[in-house]
């Protein structure tokens, strides 16, 4: 046992681990990742919130005898009280997301000035919708505009 410990200690002393030798992870572009995630969040399905969240087996009972069309079965296309209140919120969120999406597309296409105007207009009209994401997008657009402005100035010198 002592021999194994002494060999392990000797190996640790002979080959010290240095931080410079460790492989470095490639730097991720935080801005590009944010835009990709922001666009995917805006592109969620309109019925995504209405789907059942639980996993597992699902089944449908078979009815033998009379035709189901003749029975008084609830129409899934007919709005119900629960569906109306939940669907109204989902529709409102969807409309706001659709209003915000063109500005995010402009950001990803590199038209930062136009996107900044659209984002600020959206924030003024809807200050409570996706506040953190919209604020981060505005800050990123301003940073991109500043970088863009600094690059031509450095090229002229």
C-alpha atoms as a PDB file:
ATOM      1  CA  UNK A   1       0.000   0.000   0.000  1.00  0.00           C
ATOM      2  CA  UNK A   2       2.855   2.366   0.907  1.00  0.00           C
ATOM      3  CA  UNK A   3       4.546   1.502  -2.367  1.00  0.00           C
ATOM      4  CA  UNK A   4       1.471   2.481  -4.388  1.00  0.00           C
ATOM      5  CA  UNK A   5       1.139   5.763  -2.528  1.00  0.00           C
ATOM      6  CA  UNK A   6       4.823   6.601  -2.997  1.00  0.00           C
ATOM      7  CA  UNK A   7       4.607   5.818  -6.734  1.00  0.00           C
ATOM      8  CA  UNK A   8       1.514   8.022  -7.100  1.00  0.00           C
ATOM      9  CA  UNK A   9       3.201  10.851  -5.185  1.00  0.00           C
ATOM     10  CA  UNK A  10       6.358  10.559  -7.307  1.00  0.00           C
ATOM     11  CA  UNK A  11       4.301  10.626 -10.506  1.00  0.00           C
ATOM     12  CA  UNK A  12       2.468  13.717  -9.307  1.00  0.00           C
ATOM     13  CA  UNK A  13       5.759  15.489  -8.521  1.00  0.00           C
ATOM     14  CA  UNK A  14       7.438  14.513 -11.785  1.00  0.00           C
ATOM     15  CA  UNK A  15       4.605  15.630 -14.067  1.00  0.00           C
ATOM     16  CA  UNK A  16       3.023  18.723 -12.512  1.00  0.00           C
ATOM     17  CA  UNK A  17      -0.251  19.741 -14.078  1.00  0.00           C
ATOM     18  CA  UNK A  18      -0.109  23.227 -15.556  1.00  0.00           C
ATOM     19  CA  UNK A  19      -3.062  25.335 -16.611  1.00  0.00           C
ATOM     20  CA  UNK A  20      -1.326  26.226 -19.898  1.00  0.00           C
ATOM     21  CA  UNK A  21      -1.200  22.570 -20.942  1.00  0.00           C
ATOM     22  CA  UNK A  22      -4.925  22.036 -20.550  1.00  0.00           C
ATOM     23  CA  UNK A  23      -6.833  22.132 -23.835  1.00  0.00           C
ATOM     24  CA  UNK A  24      -8.772  25.351 -24.177  1.00  0.00           C
ATOM     25  CA  UNK A  25     -12.417  25.279 -25.133  1.00  0.00           C
ATOM     26  CA  UNK A  26     -13.228  27.289 -28.220  1.00  0.00           C
ATOM     27  CA  UNK A  27     -14.704  30.671 -27.402  1.00  0.00           C
ATOM     28  CA  UNK A  28     -18.396  30.818 -28.169  1.00  0.00           C
ATOM     29  CA  UNK A  29     -19.957  33.860 -29.631  1.00  0.00           C
ATOM     30  CA  UNK A  30     -22.390  34.882 -26.937  1.00  0.00           C
ATOM     31  CA  UNK A  31     -24.159  37.335 -29.231  1.00  0.00           C
ATOM     32  CA  UNK A  32     -24.745  34.803 -32.009  1.00  0.00           C
ATOM     33  CA  UNK A  33     -25.995  32.205 -29.517  1.00  0.00           C
ATOM     34  CA  UNK A  34     -28.331  34.747 -27.931  1.00  0.00           C
ATOM     35  CA  UNK A  35     -29.806  35.711 -31.301  1.00  0.00           C
ATOM     36  CA  UNK A  36     -30.277  32.072 -32.313  1.00  0.00           C
ATOM     37  CA  UNK A  37     -32.041  31.251 -29.035  1.00  0.00           C
ATOM     38  CA  UNK A  38     -34.111  34.448 -29.167  1.00  0.00           C
ATOM     39  CA  UNK A  39     -35.307  33.661 -32.704  1.00  0.00           C
ATOM     40  CA  UNK A  40     -36.194  30.093 -31.744  1.00  0.00           C
ATOM     41  CA  UNK A  41     -38.135  31.328 -28.709  1.00  0.00           C
ATOM     42  CA  UNK A  42     -40.174  33.602 -30.948  1.00  0.00           C
ATOM     43  CA  UNK A  43     -40.823  30.783 -33.418  1.00  0.00           C
ATOM     44  CA  UNK A  44     -42.565  28.454 -30.963  1.00  0.00           C
ATOM     45  CA  UNK A  45     -45.707  26.697 -32.061  1.00  0.00           C
ATOM     46  CA  UNK A  46     -49.003  28.471 -31.465  1.00  0.00           C
ATOM     47  CA  UNK A  47     -50.499  25.310 -29.979  1.00  0.00           C
ATOM     48  CA  UNK A  48     -47.413  24.281 -28.023  1.00  0.00           C
ATOM     49  CA  UNK A  49     -48.872  25.397 -24.702  1.00  0.00           C
ATOM     50  CA  UNK A  50     -52.039  23.401 -25.232  1.00  0.00           C
ATOM     51  CA  UNK A  51     -50.297  20.069 -25.663  1.00  0.00           C
ATOM     52  CA  UNK A  52     -50.181  17.662 -22.788  1.00  0.00           C
ATOM     53  CA  UNK A  53     -46.882  17.945 -20.932  1.00  0.00           C
ATOM     54  CA  UNK A  54     -46.921  14.479 -19.340  1.00  0.00           C
ATOM     55  CA  UNK A  55     -45.156  11.615 -20.998  1.00  0.00           C
ATOM     56  CA  UNK A  56     -46.404   8.098 -21.077  1.00  0.00           C
ATOM     57  CA  UNK A  57     -48.932   5.937 -22.745  1.00  0.00           C
ATOM     58  CA  UNK A  58     -52.050   7.519 -24.098  1.00  0.00           C
ATOM     59  CA  UNK A  59     -55.075   5.684 -25.292  1.00  0.00           C
ATOM     60  CA  UNK A  60     -58.461   6.240 -26.797  1.00  0.00           C
ATOM     61  CA  UNK A  61     -61.388   4.111 -25.799  1.00  0.00           C
ATOM     62  CA  UNK A  62     -63.165   2.318 -28.590  1.00  0.00           C
ATOM     63  CA  UNK A  63     -66.919   2.548 -28.666  1.00  0.00           C
ATOM     64  CA  UNK A  64     -68.808  -0.307 -30.220  1.00  0.00           C
ATOM     65  CA  UNK A  65     -72.341  -0.098 -31.378  1.00  0.00           C
ATOM     66  CA  UNK A  66     -73.843   3.219 -32.446  1.00  0.00           C
ATOM     67  CA  UNK A  67     -71.936   5.508 -34.769  1.00  0.00           C
ATOM     68  CA  UNK A  68     -70.096   8.209 -32.850  1.00  0.00           C
ATOM     69  CA  UNK A  69     -71.267  10.927 -35.218  1.00  0.00           C
ATOM     70  CA  UNK A  70     -74.835  10.408 -34.038  1.00  0.00           C
ATOM     71  CA  UNK A  71     -74.020  10.976 -30.373  1.00  0.00           C
ATOM     72  CA  UNK A  72     -73.789  14.346 -28.704  1.00  0.00           C
ATOM     73  CA  UNK A  73     -69.998  14.475 -28.540  1.00  0.00           C
ATOM     74  CA  UNK A  74     -68.172  17.720 -27.833  1.00  0.00           C
ATOM     75  CA  UNK A  75     -66.727  19.335 -30.943  1.00  0.00           C
ATOM     76  CA  UNK A  76     -62.957  19.923 -30.520  1.00  0.00           C
ATOM     77  CA  UNK A  77     -63.170  22.959 -32.803  1.00  0.00           C
ATOM     78  CA  UNK A  78     -65.876  24.600 -30.721  1.00  0.00           C
ATOM     79  CA  UNK A  79     -64.392  26.954 -28.121  1.00  0.00           C
ATOM     80  CA  UNK A  80     -64.982  26.134 -24.514  1.00  0.00           C
ATOM     81  CA  UNK A  81     -64.681  28.327 -21.452  1.00  0.00           C
ATOM     82  CA  UNK A  82     -61.248  26.980 -20.494  1.00  0.00           C
ATOM     83  CA  UNK A  83     -60.021  27.138 -24.058  1.00  0.00           C
ATOM     84  CA  UNK A  84     -61.209  30.707 -24.488  1.00  0.00           C
ATOM     85  CA  UNK A  85     -59.308  32.139 -21.544  1.00  0.00           C
ATOM     86  CA  UNK A  86     -56.150  30.162 -22.148  1.00  0.00           C
ATOM     87  CA  UNK A  87     -56.257  30.641 -25.905  1.00  0.00           C
ATOM     88  CA  UNK A  88     -56.748  34.396 -25.595  1.00  0.00           C
ATOM     89  CA  UNK A  89     -53.498  34.743 -23.664  1.00  0.00           C
ATOM     90  CA  UNK A  90     -51.663  32.505 -26.093  1.00  0.00           C
ATOM     91  CA  UNK A  91     -52.977  34.452 -29.082  1.00  0.00           C
ATOM     92  CA  UNK A  92     -51.919  37.755 -27.511  1.00  0.00           C
ATOM     93  CA  UNK A  93     -48.425  36.420 -26.791  1.00  0.00           C
ATOM     94  CA  UNK A  94     -48.204  35.051 -30.326  1.00  0.00           C
ATOM     95  CA  UNK A  95     -49.155  38.429 -31.829  1.00  0.00           C
ATOM     96  CA  UNK A  96     -46.530  40.206 -29.734  1.00  0.00           C
ATOM     97  CA  UNK A  97     -43.904  37.649 -30.745  1.00  0.00           C
ATOM     98  CA  UNK A  98     -44.840  38.138 -34.407  1.00  0.00           C
ATOM     99  CA  UNK A  99     -44.441  41.900 -33.964  1.00  0.00           C
ATOM    100  CA  UNK A 100     -40.985  41.447 -32.407  1.00  0.00           C
ATOM    101  CA  UNK A 101     -39.673  38.849 -34.877  1.00  0.00           C
ATOM    102  CA  UNK A 102     -38.826  41.245 -37.792  1.00  0.00           C
ATOM    103  CA  UNK A 103     -36.530  43.293 -35.552  1.00  0.00           C
ATOM    104  CA  UNK A 104     -34.704  40.157 -34.436  1.00  0.00           C
ATOM    105  CA  UNK A 105     -34.370  39.084 -38.075  1.00  0.00           C
ATOM    106  CA  UNK A 106     -32.864  42.469 -38.910  1.00  0.00           C
ATOM    107  CA  UNK A 107     -30.354  42.000 -36.082  1.00  0.00           C
ATOM    108  CA  UNK A 108     -29.284  38.612 -37.380  1.00  0.00           C
ATOM    109  CA  UNK A 109     -28.965  40.020 -40.924  1.00  0.00           C
ATOM    110  CA  UNK A 110     -26.599  42.768 -39.734  1.00  0.00           C
ATOM    111  CA  UNK A 111     -28.948  45.757 -40.096  1.00  0.00           C
ATOM    112  CA  UNK A 112     -28.344  46.946 -36.556  1.00  0.00           C
ATOM    113  CA  UNK A 113     -29.602  50.550 -36.873  1.00  0.00           C
ATOM    114  CA  UNK A 114     -32.986  49.513 -38.263  1.00  0.00           C
ATOM    115  CA  UNK A 115     -33.269  46.691 -35.735  1.00  0.00           C
ATOM    116  CA  UNK A 116     -32.463  49.055 -32.859  1.00  0.00           C
ATOM    117  CA  UNK A 117     -35.235  51.411 -33.933  1.00  0.00           C
ATOM    118  CA  UNK A 118     -37.692  48.525 -34.151  1.00  0.00           C
ATOM    119  CA  UNK A 119     -36.677  47.100 -30.777  1.00  0.00           C
ATOM    120  CA  UNK A 120     -36.968  50.455 -29.021  1.00  0.00           C
ATOM    121  CA  UNK A 121     -40.357  51.061 -30.636  1.00  0.00           C
ATOM    122  CA  UNK A 122     -41.511  47.604 -29.491  1.00  0.00           C
ATOM    123  CA  UNK A 123     -40.225  48.190 -25.956  1.00  0.00           C
ATOM    124  CA  UNK A 124     -42.053  51.525 -25.757  1.00  0.00           C
ATOM    125  CA  UNK A 125     -45.296  49.921 -26.965  1.00  0.00           C
ATOM    126  CA  UNK A 126     -45.032  46.704 -24.891  1.00  0.00           C
ATOM    127  CA  UNK A 127     -42.717  47.269 -21.902  1.00  0.00           C
ATOM    128  CA  UNK A 128     -43.652  44.030 -20.079  1.00  0.00           C
ATOM    129  CA  UNK A 129     -43.299  41.516 -22.923  1.00  0.00           C
ATOM    130  CA  UNK A 130     -39.974  39.609 -22.853  1.00  0.00           C
ATOM    131  CA  UNK A 131     -38.341  42.543 -21.031  1.00  0.00           C
ATOM    132  CA  UNK A 132     -34.972  40.926 -20.304  1.00  0.00           C
ATOM    133  CA  UNK A 133     -34.510  39.540 -23.803  1.00  0.00           C
ATOM    134  CA  UNK A 134     -35.528  42.787 -25.499  1.00  0.00           C
ATOM    135  CA  UNK A 135     -33.185  44.781 -23.236  1.00  0.00           C
ATOM    136  CA  UNK A 136     -30.308  42.418 -23.987  1.00  0.00           C
ATOM    137  CA  UNK A 137     -31.028  42.647 -27.722  1.00  0.00           C
ATOM    138  CA  UNK A 138     -31.031  46.465 -27.528  1.00  0.00           C
ATOM    139  CA  UNK A 139     -27.715  46.459 -25.653  1.00  0.00           C
ATOM    140  CA  UNK A 140     -26.229  44.036 -28.182  1.00  0.00           C
ATOM    141  CA  UNK A 141     -27.442  46.125 -31.112  1.00  0.00           C
ATOM    142  CA  UNK A 142     -25.892  49.252 -29.580  1.00  0.00           C
ATOM    143  CA  UNK A 143     -22.622  47.379 -29.038  1.00  0.00           C
ATOM    144  CA  UNK A 144     -22.631  46.152 -32.644  1.00  0.00           C
ATOM    145  CA  UNK A 145     -23.273  49.687 -33.904  1.00  0.00           C
ATOM    146  CA  UNK A 146     -20.405  50.984 -31.748  1.00  0.00           C
ATOM    147  CA  UNK A 147     -18.070  48.277 -33.095  1.00  0.00           C
ATOM    148  CA  UNK A 148     -19.155  49.037 -36.630  1.00  0.00           C
ATOM    149  CA  UNK A 149     -18.538  52.747 -36.065  1.00  0.00           C
ATOM    150  CA  UNK A 150     -15.118  52.101 -34.520  1.00  0.00           C
ATOM    151  CA  UNK A 151     -13.961  49.829 -37.358  1.00  0.00           C
ATOM    152  CA  UNK A 152     -14.277  52.445 -40.156  1.00  0.00           C
ATOM    153  CA  UNK A 153     -12.595  55.045 -37.939  1.00  0.00           C
ATOM    154  CA  UNK A 154      -9.657  52.703 -37.351  1.00  0.00           C
ATOM    155  CA  UNK A 155      -9.459  51.930 -41.083  1.00  0.00           C
ATOM    156  CA  UNK A 156      -9.236  55.640 -41.995  1.00  0.00           C
ATOM    157  CA  UNK A 157      -6.246  56.231 -39.694  1.00  0.00           C
END
